[in-house]
C-alpha atoms as a PDB file:
ATOM      1  CA  MET A   1     118.242  -9.452 110.390  1.00  0.00           C
ATOM      2  CA  THR A   2     116.179 -11.701 108.160  1.00  0.00           C
ATOM      3  CA  ARG A   3     112.939 -10.630 109.826  1.00  0.00           C
ATOM      4  CA  TRP A   4     113.715  -6.932 109.192  1.00  0.00           C
ATOM      5  CA  VAL A   5     114.367  -7.555 105.505  1.00  0.00           C
ATOM      6  CA  LEU A   6     111.094  -9.451 105.107  1.00  0.00           C
ATOM      7  CA  SER A   7     109.155  -6.721 106.891  1.00  0.00           C
ATOM      8  CA  ALA A   8     110.602  -4.008 104.670  1.00  0.00           C
ATOM      9  CA  SER A   9     109.800  -6.040 101.558  1.00  0.00           C
ATOM     10  CA  THR A  10     106.262  -6.569 102.730  1.00  0.00           C
ATOM     11  CA  ALA A  11     105.824  -2.839 103.315  1.00  0.00           C
ATOM     12  CA  ILE A  12     107.021  -2.080  99.809  1.00  0.00           C
ATOM     13  CA  LEU A  13     104.613  -4.629  98.330  1.00  0.00           C
ATOM     14  CA  LEU A  14     101.714  -3.135 100.243  1.00  0.00           C
ATOM     15  CA  VAL A  15     102.449   0.309  98.849  1.00  0.00           C
ATOM     16  CA  ILE A  16     102.351  -1.073  95.316  1.00  0.00           C
ATOM     17  CA  VAL A  17      99.051  -2.884  95.903  1.00  0.00           C
ATOM     18  CA  VAL A  18      97.161   0.095  97.320  1.00  0.00           C
ATOM     19  CA  MET A  19      98.171   2.621  94.639  1.00  0.00           C
ATOM     20  CA  PRO A  20      95.004   3.741  92.788  1.00  0.00           C
ATOM     21  CA  PRO A  21      94.966   2.147  89.304  1.00  0.00           C
ATOM     22  CA  GLN A  22      93.271   5.221  87.811  1.00  0.00           C
ATOM     23  CA  ALA A  23      96.052   7.491  89.052  1.00  0.00           C
ATOM     24  CA  THR A  24      98.638   5.105  87.547  1.00  0.00           C
ATOM     25  CA  ALA A  25      96.817   5.168  84.197  1.00  0.00           C
ATOM     26  CA  GLU A  26      96.635   8.965  84.211  1.00  0.00           C
ATOM     27  CA  ASP A  27     100.359   9.203  84.960  1.00  0.00           C
ATOM     28  CA  SER A  28     101.119   6.759  82.129  1.00  0.00           C
ATOM     29  CA  LEU A  29      98.869   8.684  79.765  1.00  0.00           C
ATOM     30  CA  SER A  30     100.657  11.884  80.695  1.00  0.00           C
ATOM     31  CA  ALA A  31     103.983  10.160  80.011  1.00  0.00           C
ATOM     32  CA  ALA A  32     102.692   9.030  76.609  1.00  0.00           C
ATOM     33  CA  ARG A  33     101.721  12.607  75.763  1.00  0.00           C
ATOM     34  CA  ASP A  34     105.211  13.779  76.707  1.00  0.00           C
ATOM     35  CA  LEU A  35     106.762  11.109  74.483  1.00  0.00           C
ATOM     36  CA  TYR A  36     104.516  12.153  71.596  1.00  0.00           C
ATOM     37  CA  SER A  37     105.459  15.824  72.098  1.00  0.00           C
ATOM     38  CA  ALA A  38     109.119  14.789  72.011  1.00  0.00           C
ATOM     39  CA  ALA A  39     108.498  12.962  68.694  1.00  0.00           C
ATOM     40  CA  GLU A  40     109.212   9.597  70.387  1.00  0.00           C
ATOM     41  CA  TYR A  41     106.293   8.060  68.499  1.00  0.00           C
ATOM     42  CA  GLU A  42     107.262   4.391  68.779  1.00  0.00           C
ATOM     43  CA  SER A  43     107.850   4.616  72.542  1.00  0.00           C
ATOM     44  CA  ALA A  44     104.607   6.537  73.044  1.00  0.00           C
ATOM     45  CA  LEU A  45     102.688   3.979  70.978  1.00  0.00           C
ATOM     46  CA  GLN A  46     104.090   1.047  72.977  1.00  0.00           C
ATOM     47  CA  LEU A  47     102.994   2.694  76.221  1.00  0.00           C
ATOM     48  CA  LEU A  48      99.545   3.517  74.847  1.00  0.00           C
ATOM     49  CA  ASN A  49      99.086  -0.040  73.573  1.00  0.00           C
ATOM     50  CA  ARG A  50      99.741  -1.342  77.082  1.00  0.00           C
ATOM     51  CA  LEU A  51      97.266   1.145  78.557  1.00  0.00           C
ATOM     52  CA  ARG A  52      94.445   0.131  76.210  1.00  0.00           C
ATOM     53  CA  MET A  53      94.588  -3.509  77.363  1.00  0.00           C
ATOM     54  CA  GLY A  54      92.558  -2.853  80.531  1.00  0.00           C
ATOM     55  CA  GLU A  55      89.086  -1.468  81.245  1.00  0.00           C
ATOM     56  CA  ARG A  56      89.119   2.340  81.295  1.00  0.00           C
ATOM     57  CA  PRO A  57      86.598   5.142  81.797  1.00  0.00           C
ATOM     58  CA  ALA A  58      85.276   6.610  78.551  1.00  0.00           C
ATOM     59  CA  ASP A  59      87.359   9.792  78.809  1.00  0.00           C
ATOM     60  CA  GLN A  60      90.594   7.800  79.269  1.00  0.00           C
ATOM     61  CA  THR A  61      89.692   5.461  76.410  1.00  0.00           C
ATOM     62  CA  ARG A  62      89.123   8.424  74.121  1.00  0.00           C
ATOM     63  CA  ALA A  63      92.447  10.040  75.130  1.00  0.00           C
ATOM     64  CA  ILE A  64      94.394   6.770  74.667  1.00  0.00           C
ATOM     65  CA  GLU A  65      92.949   6.140  71.197  1.00  0.00           C
ATOM     66  CA  GLN A  66      93.361   9.797  70.273  1.00  0.00           C
ATOM     67  CA  TYR A  67      97.104   9.755  70.949  1.00  0.00           C
ATOM     68  CA  ARG A  68      97.465   6.335  69.348  1.00  0.00           C
ATOM     69  CA  ALA A  69      95.975   7.877  66.196  1.00  0.00           C
ATOM     70  CA  PHE A  70      98.377  10.812  66.407  1.00  0.00           C
ATOM     71  CA  CYS A  71     101.380   8.462  66.741  1.00  0.00           C
ATOM     72  CA  LEU A  72     100.214   6.128  63.974  1.00  0.00           C
ATOM     73  CA  LEU A  73      99.674   9.019  61.574  1.00  0.00           C
ATOM     74  CA  ALA A  74     103.130  10.372  62.412  1.00  0.00           C
ATOM     75  CA  LEU A  75     104.582   6.935  61.651  1.00  0.00           C
ATOM     76  CA  GLY A  76     102.719   6.738  58.334  1.00  0.00           C
ATOM     77  CA  ARG A  77     100.478   3.833  59.409  1.00  0.00           C
ATOM     78  CA  SER A  78      97.270   5.271  57.965  1.00  0.00           C
ATOM     79  CA  ALA A  79      95.105   2.113  58.113  1.00  0.00           C
ATOM     80  CA  ASP A  80      95.874   1.525  61.805  1.00  0.00           C
ATOM     81  CA  ALA A  81      95.365   5.233  62.489  1.00  0.00           C
ATOM     82  CA  GLU A  82      91.917   5.086  60.895  1.00  0.00           C
ATOM     83  CA  GLN A  83      90.914   2.289  63.289  1.00  0.00           C
ATOM     84  CA  ALA A  84      92.122   4.346  66.267  1.00  0.00           C
ATOM     85  CA  ILE A  85      90.206   7.401  65.049  1.00  0.00           C
ATOM     86  CA  ALA A  86      87.088   5.238  64.659  1.00  0.00           C
ATOM     87  CA  ALA A  87      87.466   4.177  68.300  1.00  0.00           C
ATOM     88  CA  VAL A  88      87.707   7.849  69.348  1.00  0.00           C
ATOM     89  CA  VAL A  89      84.610   8.852  67.377  1.00  0.00           C
ATOM     90  CA  THR A  90      82.628   5.874  68.680  1.00  0.00           C
ATOM     91  CA  VAL A  91      83.309   6.897  72.284  1.00  0.00           C
ATOM     92  CA  GLU A  92      82.863  10.642  71.716  1.00  0.00           C
ATOM     93  CA  PRO A  93      81.120  11.419  68.397  1.00  0.00           C
ATOM     94  CA  MET A  94      81.397  15.218  68.683  1.00  0.00           C
ATOM     95  CA  PHE A  95      85.161  15.179  69.364  1.00  0.00           C
ATOM     96  CA  ARG A  96      87.438  17.174  67.073  1.00  0.00           C
ATOM     97  CA  PRO A  97      91.159  17.738  67.733  1.00  0.00           C
ATOM     98  CA  SER A  98      91.967  21.411  68.198  1.00  0.00           C
ATOM     99  CA  ASP A  99      93.950  23.485  65.720  1.00  0.00           C
ATOM    100  CA  ALA A 100      96.651  24.081  68.322  1.00  0.00           C
ATOM    101  CA  GLU A 101      96.955  20.367  69.067  1.00  0.00           C
ATOM    102  CA  VAL A 102      97.523  18.837  65.638  1.00  0.00           C
ATOM    103  CA  SER A 103      98.301  19.669  62.034  1.00  0.00           C
ATOM    104  CA  PRO A 104      95.674  20.202  59.311  1.00  0.00           C
ATOM    105  CA  ARG A 105      96.567  16.742  57.909  1.00  0.00           C
ATOM    106  CA  VAL A 106      95.606  15.065  61.192  1.00  0.00           C
ATOM    107  CA  ARG A 107      92.403  17.096  61.497  1.00  0.00           C
ATOM    108  CA  SER A 108      91.533  16.107  57.934  1.00  0.00           C
ATOM    109  CA  ALA A 109      92.034  12.415  58.795  1.00  0.00           C
ATOM    110  CA  PHE A 110      89.664  12.729  61.760  1.00  0.00           C
ATOM    111  CA  SER A 111      87.063  14.561  59.638  1.00  0.00           C
ATOM    112  CA  GLU A 112      87.159  11.897  56.937  1.00  0.00           C
ATOM    113  CA  VAL A 113      86.627   9.032  59.389  1.00  0.00           C
ATOM    114  CA  ARG A 114      83.763  10.906  61.082  1.00  0.00           C
ATOM    115  CA  ARG A 115      82.136  11.500  57.689  1.00  0.00           C
ATOM    116  CA  LYS A 116      82.249   7.796  56.793  1.00  0.00           C
ATOM    117  CA  MET A 117      80.926   6.669  60.174  1.00  0.00           C
ATOM    118  CA  TRP A 118      78.337   9.385  60.774  1.00  0.00           C
ATOM    119  CA  PRO A 119      75.046   7.800  59.590  1.00  0.00           C
ATOM    120  CA  SER A 120      75.744   4.531  61.426  1.00  0.00           C
ATOM    121  CA  LEU A 121      76.894   6.434  64.542  1.00  0.00           C
ATOM    122  CA  VAL A 122      73.659   8.440  64.645  1.00  0.00           C
ATOM    123  CA  LEU A 123      71.614   5.243  64.385  1.00  0.00           C
ATOM    124  CA  GLN A 124      73.766   3.538  67.030  1.00  0.00           C
ATOM    125  CA  ARG A 125      73.384   6.414  69.490  1.00  0.00           C
ATOM    126  CA  TYR A 126      69.623   6.569  68.865  1.00  0.00           C
ATOM    127  CA  THR A 127      69.343   2.810  69.522  1.00  0.00           C
ATOM    128  CA  THR A 128      71.276   3.204  72.775  1.00  0.00           C
ATOM    129  CA  ALA A 129      69.068   6.116  73.867  1.00  0.00           C
ATOM    130  CA  LYS A 130      65.915   4.132  73.081  1.00  0.00           C
ATOM    131  CA  ALA A 131      67.233   1.211  75.148  1.00  0.00           C
ATOM    132  CA  ASP A 132      67.753   3.597  78.095  1.00  0.00           C
ATOM    133  CA  TYR A 133      64.181   4.800  77.651  1.00  0.00           C
ATOM    134  CA  ASP A 134      62.791   1.255  77.505  1.00  0.00           C
ATOM    135  CA  ARG A 135      64.627   0.507  80.776  1.00  0.00           C
ATOM    136  CA  LYS A 136      62.879   3.573  82.243  1.00  0.00           C
ATOM    137  CA  ASP A 137      66.208   5.292  82.887  1.00  0.00           C
ATOM    138  CA  PHE A 138      64.622   8.545  81.748  1.00  0.00           C
ATOM    139  CA  ALA A 139      67.349  10.921  82.949  1.00  0.00           C
ATOM    140  CA  LYS A 140      70.002   8.991  81.023  1.00  0.00           C
ATOM    141  CA  ALA A 141      67.684   8.655  78.016  1.00  0.00           C
ATOM    142  CA  ALA A 142      67.028  12.413  77.907  1.00  0.00           C
ATOM    143  CA  GLU A 143      70.768  13.084  77.841  1.00  0.00           C
ATOM    144  CA  ALA A 144      71.318  10.428  75.172  1.00  0.00           C
ATOM    145  CA  PHE A 145      68.516  11.750  72.938  1.00  0.00           C
ATOM    146  CA  GLN A 146      69.951  15.264  73.331  1.00  0.00           C
ATOM    147  CA  LEU A 147      73.276  13.973  71.979  1.00  0.00           C
ATOM    148  CA  VAL A 148      71.442  12.428  69.006  1.00  0.00           C
ATOM    149  CA  LEU A 149      69.829  15.798  68.243  1.00  0.00           C
ATOM    150  CA  GLU A 150      73.217  17.533  68.492  1.00  0.00           C
ATOM    151  CA  MET A 151      74.693  14.967  66.104  1.00  0.00           C
ATOM    152  CA  LEU A 152      71.836  15.535  63.661  1.00  0.00           C
ATOM    153  CA  ALA A 153      72.507  19.287  63.816  1.00  0.00           C
ATOM    154  CA  ASP A 154      76.109  18.648  62.722  1.00  0.00           C
ATOM    155  CA  PRO A 155      76.792  19.516  59.053  1.00  0.00           C
ATOM    156  CA  LEU A 156      77.827  15.884  58.518  1.00  0.00           C
ATOM    157  CA  SER A 157      74.145  14.915  58.806  1.00  0.00           C
ATOM    158  CA  GLY A 158      73.378  16.987  55.716  1.00  0.00           C
ATOM    159  CA  ASP A 159      69.948  18.169  54.652  1.00  0.00           C
ATOM    160  CA  PRO A 160      67.235  16.163  56.515  1.00  0.00           C
ATOM    161  CA  ALA A 161      65.124  16.168  53.354  1.00  0.00           C
ATOM    162  CA  SER A 162      67.826  14.184  51.544  1.00  0.00           C
ATOM    163  CA  SER A 163      67.830  11.358  54.122  1.00  0.00           C
ATOM    164  CA  PRO A 164      64.391  10.080  55.167  1.00  0.00           C
ATOM    165  CA  GLN A 165      65.933   7.791  57.802  1.00  0.00           C
ATOM    166  CA  LEU A 166      67.792  10.638  59.535  1.00  0.00           C
ATOM    167  CA  ALA A 167      64.675  12.831  59.259  1.00  0.00           C
ATOM    168  CA  ASP A 168      62.659  10.127  61.056  1.00  0.00           C
ATOM    169  CA  ILE A 169      65.332   9.766  63.740  1.00  0.00           C
ATOM    170  CA  ARG A 170      65.381  13.550  64.239  1.00  0.00           C
ATOM    171  CA  THR A 171      61.624  13.614  64.875  1.00  0.00           C
ATOM    172  CA  LEU A 172      61.588  10.551  67.117  1.00  0.00           C
ATOM    173  CA  ALA A 173      64.634  11.660  69.121  1.00  0.00           C
ATOM    174  CA  GLY A 174      63.019  15.034  69.767  1.00  0.00           C
ATOM    175  CA  GLU A 175      59.744  13.500  70.882  1.00  0.00           C
ATOM    176  CA  PHE A 176      61.410  10.835  73.055  1.00  0.00           C
ATOM    177  CA  ARG A 177      63.645  13.476  74.654  1.00  0.00           C
ATOM    178  CA  GLU A 178      60.567  15.530  75.519  1.00  0.00           C
ATOM    179  CA  LEU A 179      58.864  12.471  76.956  1.00  0.00           C
ATOM    180  CA  SER A 180      61.980  11.476  78.932  1.00  0.00           C
ATOM    181  CA  LEU A 181      62.283  14.958  80.435  1.00  0.00           C
ATOM    182  CA  ALA A 182      58.594  14.947  81.341  1.00  0.00           C
ATOM    183  CA  ARG A 183      58.978  11.629  83.148  1.00  0.00           C
ATOM    184  CA  THR A 184      61.940  12.794  85.192  1.00  0.00           C
ATOM    185  CA  MET A 185      59.679  15.383  86.828  1.00  0.00           C
ATOM    186  CA  PRO A 186      57.538  14.460  89.849  1.00  0.00           C
ATOM    187  CA  ALA A 187      54.121  13.382  88.598  1.00  0.00           C
ATOM    188  CA  PRO A 188      51.017  14.978  90.162  1.00  0.00           C
ATOM    189  CA  ALA A 189      48.879  12.666  92.259  1.00  0.00           C
ATOM    190  CA  ALA A 190      46.076  11.196  90.170  1.00  0.00           C
ATOM    191  CA  GLN A 191      42.555  10.693  91.473  1.00  0.00           C
ATOM    192  CA  PRO A 192      41.017   7.225  91.146  1.00  0.00           C
ATOM    193  CA  GLY A 193      39.502   6.682  87.718  1.00  0.00           C
ATOM    194  CA  SER A 194      41.332   9.590  86.085  1.00  0.00           C
ATOM    195  CA  ALA A 195      43.292   9.445  82.836  1.00  0.00           C
ATOM    196  CA  LEU A 196      46.987  10.252  83.058  1.00  0.00           C
ATOM    197  CA  GLN A 197      48.701  12.074  80.213  1.00  0.00           C
ATOM    198  CA  SER A 198      52.289  12.111  79.043  1.00  0.00           C
ATOM    199  CA  VAL A 199      54.033  13.264  75.913  1.00  0.00           C
ATOM    200  CA  ALA A 200      54.426  10.467  73.360  1.00  0.00           C
ATOM    201  CA  PRO A 201      56.588  10.227  70.244  1.00  0.00           C
ATOM    202  CA  LEU A 202      54.957  10.576  66.858  1.00  0.00           C
ATOM    203  CA  SER A 203      55.167   7.455  64.739  1.00  0.00           C
ATOM    204  CA  THR A 204      56.037   9.349  61.556  1.00  0.00           C
ATOM    205  CA  ALA A 205      58.344  12.211  60.733  1.00  0.00           C
ATOM    206  CA  SER A 206      56.898  15.710  60.668  1.00  0.00           C
ATOM    207  CA  SER A 207      57.374  17.780  57.530  1.00  0.00           C
ATOM    208  CA  PRO A 208      59.944  20.566  57.801  1.00  0.00           C
ATOM    209  CA  PRO A 209      58.282  23.863  58.720  1.00  0.00           C
ATOM    210  CA  PRO A 210      57.584  26.103  55.731  1.00  0.00           C
ATOM    211  CA  ALA A 211      59.593  29.265  55.324  1.00  0.00           C
ATOM    212  CA  VAL A 212      58.470  32.292  57.345  1.00  0.00           C
ATOM    213  CA  PRO A 213      56.461  34.596  55.036  1.00  0.00           C
ATOM    214  CA  ARG A 214      58.390  37.623  53.779  1.00  0.00           C
ATOM    215  CA  PRO A 215      56.842  40.974  52.829  1.00  0.00           C
ATOM    216  CA  GLY A 216      56.101  41.182  49.112  1.00  0.00           C
ATOM    217  CA  PRO A 217      56.799  44.099  46.765  1.00  0.00           C
ATOM    218  CA  PRO A 218      54.648  47.252  47.056  1.00  0.00           C
ATOM    219  CA  ALA A 219      51.249  46.879  45.435  1.00  0.00           C
ATOM    220  CA  SER A 220      50.871  48.566  42.051  1.00  0.00           C
ATOM    221  CA  ALA A 221      48.179  51.135  41.401  1.00  0.00           C
ATOM    222  CA  GLY A 222      44.857  49.732  40.334  1.00  0.00           C
ATOM    223  CA  PRO A 223      41.925  47.793  41.756  1.00  0.00           C
ATOM    224  CA  THR A 224      42.548  46.355  45.203  1.00  0.00           C
ATOM    225  CA  ARG A 225      42.544  42.568  45.310  1.00  0.00           C
ATOM    226  CA  SER A 226      42.520  40.422  48.441  1.00  0.00           C
ATOM    227  CA  VAL A 227      45.546  38.170  48.921  1.00  0.00           C
ATOM    228  CA  ALA A 228      45.225  34.966  50.941  1.00  0.00           C
ATOM    229  CA  ALA A 229      47.522  34.939  53.971  1.00  0.00           C
ATOM    230  CA  LYS A 230      50.245  32.306  53.879  1.00  0.00           C
ATOM    231  CA  PRO A 231      49.949  29.656  56.596  1.00  0.00           C
ATOM    232  CA  LYS A 232      52.193  30.127  59.584  1.00  0.00           C
ATOM    233  CA  PRO A 233      54.811  27.426  60.229  1.00  0.00           C
ATOM    234  CA  ILE A 234      54.011  24.757  62.802  1.00  0.00           C
ATOM    235  CA  PHE A 235      57.017  23.622  64.814  1.00  0.00           C
ATOM    236  CA  SER A 236      57.548  20.447  66.834  1.00  0.00           C
ATOM    237  CA  ALA A 237      60.111  18.720  69.027  1.00  0.00           C
ATOM    238  CA  ALA A 238      62.145  18.128  65.860  1.00  0.00           C
ATOM    239  CA  ASN A 239      62.992  21.850  65.918  1.00  0.00           C
ATOM    240  CA  ALA A 240      65.653  21.992  68.625  1.00  0.00           C
ATOM    241  CA  GLU A 241      65.821  25.788  68.529  1.00  0.00           C
ATOM    242  CA  VAL A 242      62.195  26.108  69.701  1.00  0.00           C
ATOM    243  CA  VAL A 243      61.309  26.192  73.409  1.00  0.00           C
ATOM    244  CA  PRO A 244      58.353  23.755  73.776  1.00  0.00           C
ATOM    245  CA  PRO A 245      55.052  24.834  75.359  1.00  0.00           C
ATOM    246  CA  SER A 246      54.364  24.119  79.019  1.00  0.00           C
ATOM    247  CA  ALA A 247      50.979  23.018  80.308  1.00  0.00           C
ATOM    248  CA  ILE A 248      48.741  25.310  82.339  1.00  0.00           C
ATOM    249  CA  LYS A 249      45.661  23.118  82.038  1.00  0.00           C
ATOM    250  CA  GLN A 250      45.908  19.583  80.635  1.00  0.00           C
ATOM    251  CA  VAL A 251      43.371  17.284  82.281  1.00  0.00           C
ATOM    252  CA  LEU A 252      41.367  14.458  80.739  1.00  0.00           C
ATOM    253  CA  PRO A 253      37.964  13.347  82.022  1.00  0.00           C
ATOM    254  CA  VAL A 254      37.430  10.243  84.134  1.00  0.00           C
ATOM    255  CA  PHE A 255      37.201   7.045  82.107  1.00  0.00           C
ATOM    256  CA  PRO A 256      33.815   5.368  82.836  1.00  0.00           C
ATOM    257  CA  ALA A 257      34.359   1.737  83.780  1.00  0.00           C
ATOM    258  CA  GLN A 258      31.033   0.661  82.239  1.00  0.00           C
ATOM    259  CA  ILE A 259      31.990   1.540  78.638  1.00  0.00           C
ATOM    260  CA  GLY A 260      34.405  -1.363  78.259  1.00  0.00           C
ATOM    261  CA  ALA A 261      38.131  -1.865  77.788  1.00  0.00           C
ATOM    262  CA  ALA A 262      40.636   0.930  77.202  1.00  0.00           C
ATOM    263  CA  ALA A 263      43.814   0.934  75.116  1.00  0.00           C
ATOM    264  CA  GLN A 264      46.791   3.279  75.284  1.00  0.00           C
ATOM    265  CA  GLY A 265      45.799   6.221  73.107  1.00  0.00           C
ATOM    266  CA  LEU A 266      47.594   9.036  71.331  1.00  0.00           C
ATOM    267  CA  LEU A 267      46.326  12.585  70.911  1.00  0.00           C
ATOM    268  CA  GLU A 268      47.939  15.136  68.612  1.00  0.00           C
ATOM    269  CA  ILE A 269      47.271  18.823  69.229  1.00  0.00           C
ATOM    270  CA  VAL A 270      48.375  22.077  67.635  1.00  0.00           C
ATOM    271  CA  ILE A 271      48.918  24.900  70.133  1.00  0.00           C
ATOM    272  CA  ASP A 272      48.682  28.431  68.739  1.00  0.00           C
ATOM    273  CA  GLU A 273      50.677  31.525  69.647  1.00  0.00           C
ATOM    274  CA  SER A 274      48.308  32.389  72.503  1.00  0.00           C
ATOM    275  CA  GLY A 275      48.685  28.949  74.128  1.00  0.00           C
ATOM    276  CA  SER A 276      45.212  27.749  73.095  1.00  0.00           C
ATOM    277  CA  VAL A 277      44.561  24.445  71.347  1.00  0.00           C
ATOM    278  CA  GLU A 278      43.900  25.205  67.687  1.00  0.00           C
ATOM    279  CA  SER A 279      43.223  21.627  66.574  1.00  0.00           C
ATOM    280  CA  VAL A 280      43.169  18.178  68.098  1.00  0.00           C
ATOM    281  CA  THR A 281      43.257  14.708  66.537  1.00  0.00           C
ATOM    282  CA  MET A 282      42.969  11.257  68.105  1.00  0.00           C
ATOM    283  CA  ARG A 283      45.789   9.404  66.359  1.00  0.00           C
ATOM    284  CA  VAL A 284      45.307   6.178  68.347  1.00  0.00           C
ATOM    285  CA  SER A 285      41.922   5.368  69.873  1.00  0.00           C
ATOM    286  CA  VAL A 286      41.526   4.796  73.625  1.00  0.00           C
ATOM    287  CA  ASN A 287      37.943   3.584  73.355  1.00  0.00           C
ATOM    288  CA  PRO A 288      35.313   4.514  70.701  1.00  0.00           C
ATOM    289  CA  TYR A 289      32.949   5.806  73.407  1.00  0.00           C
ATOM    290  CA  TYR A 290      35.652   7.753  75.256  1.00  0.00           C
ATOM    291  CA  ASP A 291      37.521   9.333  72.325  1.00  0.00           C
ATOM    292  CA  GLY A 292      34.932  12.076  71.677  1.00  0.00           C
ATOM    293  CA  THR A 293      34.937  13.106  75.337  1.00  0.00           C
ATOM    294  CA  ALA A 294      38.736  13.254  75.348  1.00  0.00           C
ATOM    295  CA  LEU A 295      38.815  15.347  72.171  1.00  0.00           C
ATOM    296  CA  GLN A 296      36.293  17.802  73.580  1.00  0.00           C
ATOM    297  CA  ALA A 297      38.295  18.169  76.796  1.00  0.00           C
ATOM    298  CA  ALA A 298      41.570  18.664  74.894  1.00  0.00           C
ATOM    299  CA  ARG A 299      40.115  21.630  73.010  1.00  0.00           C
ATOM    300  CA  SER A 300      39.873  23.522  76.319  1.00  0.00           C
ATOM    301  CA  TRP A 301      43.480  22.885  77.375  1.00  0.00           C
ATOM    302  CA  LYS A 302      45.721  25.891  77.915  1.00  0.00           C
ATOM    303  CA  TYR A 303      49.519  26.297  77.659  1.00  0.00           C
ATOM    304  CA  HIS A 304      52.307  28.773  77.880  1.00  0.00           C
ATOM    305  CA  PRO A 305      53.023  28.940  74.128  1.00  0.00           C
ATOM    306  CA  ALA A 306      56.155  27.634  72.446  1.00  0.00           C
ATOM    307  CA  THR A 307      58.695  30.307  71.560  1.00  0.00           C
ATOM    308  CA  LEU A 308      61.341  30.809  68.895  1.00  0.00           C
ATOM    309  CA  LYS A 309      63.905  33.471  69.852  1.00  0.00           C
ATOM    310  CA  GLY A 310      61.439  34.769  72.413  1.00  0.00           C
ATOM    311  CA  GLU A 311      58.516  35.024  69.981  1.00  0.00           C
ATOM    312  CA  PRO A 312      55.411  32.792  70.397  1.00  0.00           C
ATOM    313  CA  VAL A 313      54.945  30.230  67.614  1.00  0.00           C
ATOM    314  CA  LYS A 314      52.580  27.406  66.720  1.00  0.00           C
ATOM    315  CA  TYR A 315      53.594  23.976  67.959  1.00  0.00           C
ATOM    316  CA  ARG A 316      52.490  20.412  67.229  1.00  0.00           C
ATOM    317  CA  LYS A 317      52.546  18.208  70.326  1.00  0.00           C
ATOM    318  CA  SER A 318      51.563  14.598  70.936  1.00  0.00           C
ATOM    319  CA  ILE A 319      49.984  13.353  74.140  1.00  0.00           C
ATOM    320  CA  GLN A 320      50.072   9.721  75.187  1.00  0.00           C
ATOM    321  CA  VAL A 321      46.922   8.739  77.110  1.00  0.00           C
ATOM    322  CA  ASP A 322      47.191   6.012  79.747  1.00  0.00           C
ATOM    323  CA  VAL A 323      43.907   5.226  81.449  1.00  0.00           C
ATOM    324  CA  LYS A 324      44.188   4.186  85.100  1.00  0.00           C
ATOM    325  CA  ARG A 325      41.215   2.595  86.802  1.00  0.00           C
END
């Protein structure tokens, strides 16, 4: 009789051990939601506080802190609720509770915390994305830089012209995202002695594109006078709404070994609406004897032009030059 009792107890213990911890957490989270819906705020908060003690996936962490904030606000504990909201926004910056889910007062509390945290959150996410890039995790970096650009497009970021730091981050995030995406693609095989090219981030922020020219009023009668055409805007990776150009021909000449040492260089080109290179500048020298040859070659490059809403536009692009011997 004793042996049977021990065996049954052992079986029960085994069942408890092998239950998936994630499933248990999801069930507990669901129970906490039910308690919140039933206005059992203290009970829901106690359960959520126990859940937050362990390591959780990001989506579970966000949900736990989200409902903790809801309960704390319902209980009038505003300071604690603000800390819970900050935890939600840190995990998922673009999160906003839905109108159907909470009252306007709760949505207002979330909006206020996001507003206070926003500049530091943008910088934090950019730093994380740059660390991914430095580790050569280019797929993860591209996704992280995309999030930074989405955050900068949020009204909380304000007018880029009013915040030089955010304007710089916008430009750099766009350029690094472009470079990360380029490096996730299979690279063509390079011949010995050739120079390899890749997109590189600009070191300074680009100026916002000027307004698109609008037709002026009808000319009055009288002598005809020539009017200088307004310059067309030049876009860059900082303009998320623009589809960047894609290379048709982008090849640099072989670097002659006899001309000395080579550094990592940086070319900047402007591609016109036809996909031709309108101008080219060597921002960082590769080698004084090689730079002129590289500039001459770059003028003959050809691209599918950048487009804005399907229309070709001018585009400023930077090219990082790595010489391989």
